Amino acid sequence: MKFICTHHWLLGLLASCVMPLACSTGDRSPEAEVVRGSQGLASGTPIVGVASGRCLDVKGASKTPGTALQIYQCNGGANQGFTFTAAGELRVFESTLCVEPKTGTTTTGGGTVVAIANCTGQPAQQWKLNADRSISSTASGSCLDVMNAATADRSPVHLWSCNNQNNQKWTATGNDTQPPSAPSSPTLGNLTCNSGTLSWTGSSDNVGVAFYDVFHDGQLMRSLDGNARSAALTLVPGVRWGLYVNARDAAGNVSQASSTVYVTPPQCQADTQAPTAPSNLLGSAAGTSVSLSWGAASDNIGVLAYDIYRGGVKVGSVAGTSTTAPGTTFVDSGLAANTAYSYYVVARDAQSNVSTRSNSASVTTGQACVNPICSVTQIGTDTDVPWGLVTLPDGKILFSERDTQNVVRLDPLTAQKTTVGKVPNVQGTDGEGGLMGLAISATFTSDSWLYVMHTSPTDNRIVRMKYVNGALDTSTLQVLLSGILRNKFHDGGRLRFGPDGKLYASTGDAQNGANAQNTSGLNGKVLRLNADGSVPSDNPFGNYVWSYGHRNPQGLAFDSQGRLWEQEFGNSVMDETNLITKGGNYGWPNCEGTASQAGSGCATTGYIAPKRTYGTGEGSCSGIAIVRDVLYVACERGARLYRAAISGSNLGTFQAFFVGTYGRLRTVEPSPDGNLWLSTSNLGDKDSTPNNSDEKLFKVLLGG
């Protein structure tokens, strides 16, 4: 059978087979292909410059071969309707003419003129559509470029060396909104200590799969074209990763993720030799905190971490990396006053060989707390992942169990727990989705509304229901906002009422960075809603979007001036804390923290820089809280609580507490008496299995 078939390119560039031919299907079955007629192909698709917002245009709408390309205000003309064929041609004027470089002819900017010509099928008329949204000549490898990065009408388009700038990036206005199916059957082969090959069964799509994106635990590793069915990956010896793959069509629609393949590569070199013992352990007290220091250990390969023990119980760790030695100091906070404590330290290498103990150091704390953190009291435990947390007017706590989909009431004075109800229509994502943020407004005592953000089988959404007589009344459930794209990771999920009475929500990019820059979409944003779910009249874009350019924000908090602060997961370089402004663009995916990733990167005009960045090894922070204009940041991979005073529009010196003491920290919230609630997220936080965790909830008493 022969087909007339269509394919799309990144963010909507229509790519259509315009002559009967056998469609290239890779290993897809014929049943997965869509047979289509010629309708909708006559005028092609406008190609829009990312930097200019103007359309690729044949100058003067002339059909004369040799007429050059330019950019011009989009007008729907046939000279702005392009079709990319299966042969790699870029056709225009109802697919009657082809685009090609005019060899030997240069623009005033020094690039090669790009013009229209009669179609010949020669290599000079073949183009490649790239994952970074550039269009390159197959023959030369150079990219379509708006000369001098101009943005005005009639600016010439020529061929220039590819440089990943926004004047070489293009989108389109196709109408494909259907994502591919999820890739299936991922397997890992050829495993070595630092590499492996992930293979999968391909996805199907109504138009065509353009790319596959390979992730580990929410971090992008590689992007490949739609013909790929495997990827060679660089792994880290001894580190457990969850690998999976998403499919992406040319219109930018992203599939749900494949199932996860977990792998822990062996070490590259067998090592049975333990490090030497740390030496000269010293300790001193300041109020209810103890500061420790010691001499570094040595190892035949390298010391990975130091573990600190108090009274024979491990209370913290100081970790290094494969290239950086771990530090040799530690602060133990929140201790009892006038109490003697005994410490020792051991060194540990990458293969878990542990040294003998250092010498012991005994330290007696002072009479009263003069420290930022005075004491920590465990108020509860849970076998699931506590996520959202609110304090009720009577002082009790409600928290969400992400994977059981229950809301639990906890009495912090007695540790008594009661399940008050299961939120309907919640579904996990085998990653970070499920039952997430909770919020109550200042009017809770009169209206009893509990606001919930959760993943459903089809999307992420914000709902509310009454909490009455100590239970959820699910019959009162109202869906306030639906259609927030979901995926295995990058689901955001935090809710927070502002002093303006509006509900703010953080949404992830659903593992598609392009979502973050689309102000018409709900993903990669901070959203702002009225309490009844309607759009506030003063929102900047006339919809729910308050700020954009976010990857995976999970922390929201307001300071005493009513300003909103936000905490955001980066990809593999850095996380960030932002001060949110109305209509602000925070740069993702072109900018990660302060690290440029694409286009003009962090130097792009209009991007708002973060107030603080963190290496992912010391960060991966989720929840934040502000108490007396001091910011507290709960970090997962970093296994610590950061503290920094807000000074004007900036953040003061950061202090790290509980480094490794309680493990991964997910949620931090103010308590009614001016202190903190804090919860862990140590086990089962990257799957959707209920009750496979061992988590703790604490009250943290703050000092001066």
Foldseek 3Di string as FASTA:
>chain_A
DWAFAWAFAAQGQIATAPDTDHDDDQPDDPVLEAGDDCPPQQLAWWKAQQLQRFTWFFPPNDPDWPGFIATAHDDSDQRRHWYQYPLQWIATNRRQWTKFFPPPDADPLGFTTITIDGDDSDLRRHWDQDPLQAIARPVPRWTFFQRPSDRHGPGGTGTDHDDQARRRHIHIDHDDDWAWAAWEDWDWAPAAQWKIKIFTHATGDHHAWFWKWKDWQLFTFDIDGRSDGMDIGTHHAQDKTWIWMWTAGRSQHIYFIYHTDIDHHHHNDDDDDAWAEWEDWEWEADAQKIKIFTHDIDDPQAWAKKFKDKPNHTFFMFGDDNPGHTHGMDMAAAHDAQDKIKMWMWTAHSVGRIYDIYDIYIYTHHHHDPAQFHHKDFQEKFLAAWAAWDADPVQWMWTARFQVQWIWIADSVHRDIDTQDHAPQADAAFFFFGWHYWDDFPCCVPPQKIWTWGHGPAWIFIWIFHCPPNHTPNVRIDTLDTDHHAYLDFAATYWDQFPVQKIKGAGAQNSRQVSQPDPVHDHQAIFIAHPNNHDDPPQDPRHRGFEGQAHRWAEWEADPVRWIKTWGDFRQFKTAIATGHGHAHQFPPQETQNDGDGHVRPPDPRHDHGQDIDHLQLACWHYWYAFNQKIWIFGANNQWIWIWHDDPPHTHDIDTHSRRRFHHWHYWYARPVRWIKTKHDHPPNTGSDPSNHIMTIMTIDTDD
